[in-house]
Amino acid sequence: MAKYVIVYAHPNPHSFNHAILTEIESALKRQGKDYLLRDLNALPFHPVLTAADLISLVQGRIPPEILAEQEFIARADTIIFVHPIWWFNMPAILKGYIDRVFSRGFAYDVVEGNPVGLLTDKKVMLFNTTGGSQENYLKFGYDIAIKTAIDQGVFEFCGMTIAMHKMFYAVPSVDMRRREAMLSEIRDIVFD
């Protein structure tokens, strides 16, 4: 049983996101943690919620590929998301994964007209890269908007607890020394 599930969403295996993923996997291995990697760009999982999916889900018939991913999430204590911030949000492949997997009846329900999160025993850790500077993110409130949309609008909505949301800013324009400092922050994380 995987205590941790890593959901990774970047198409370039040479990206800084991949370096972050490698550091997280190394830290988990060093600490003797069980984990399962779900690399969305390498999986045959179709990330578009279809009309057939909606009909099946409403009827309580969960398509097998959705059910498999839900089972991975259900068995985890902590889900770690590694992805870039594109257009001030998650990549489409991850949004589609969430659309399909975090469905009503699994991740949330509606009781007497009110949404109720069902994944209350789960923690979430997020590691994001940005193209923009931290100064601009703070100045224009982009960081708050992203955390509102993703942390609150997705994960807290589903009852999950945000254990960490780490943003690495201006990745394309920083030097190797700064990138190495970013990666060293991951090496120091104690996964509990």
Foldseek 3Di string as FASTA:
>chain_A
DAQEEEEEEDQDCPDLLVVLVVLLVVLCVVLVHGYHYDDLNPDPDDLACDPVQVVCVVVVNQPPVLVVVLVRLVPYQEYEYGAEQDPLEGDSSVVSNLVRNCDAPRQWHADPNRIDADPQSHEYAYEYEYLAAPVVCVVVVSVVVHCCCPVVVRAVSNNYHYPYHHYHYNVVPDDPVSSVVVSVVSSPDDDD
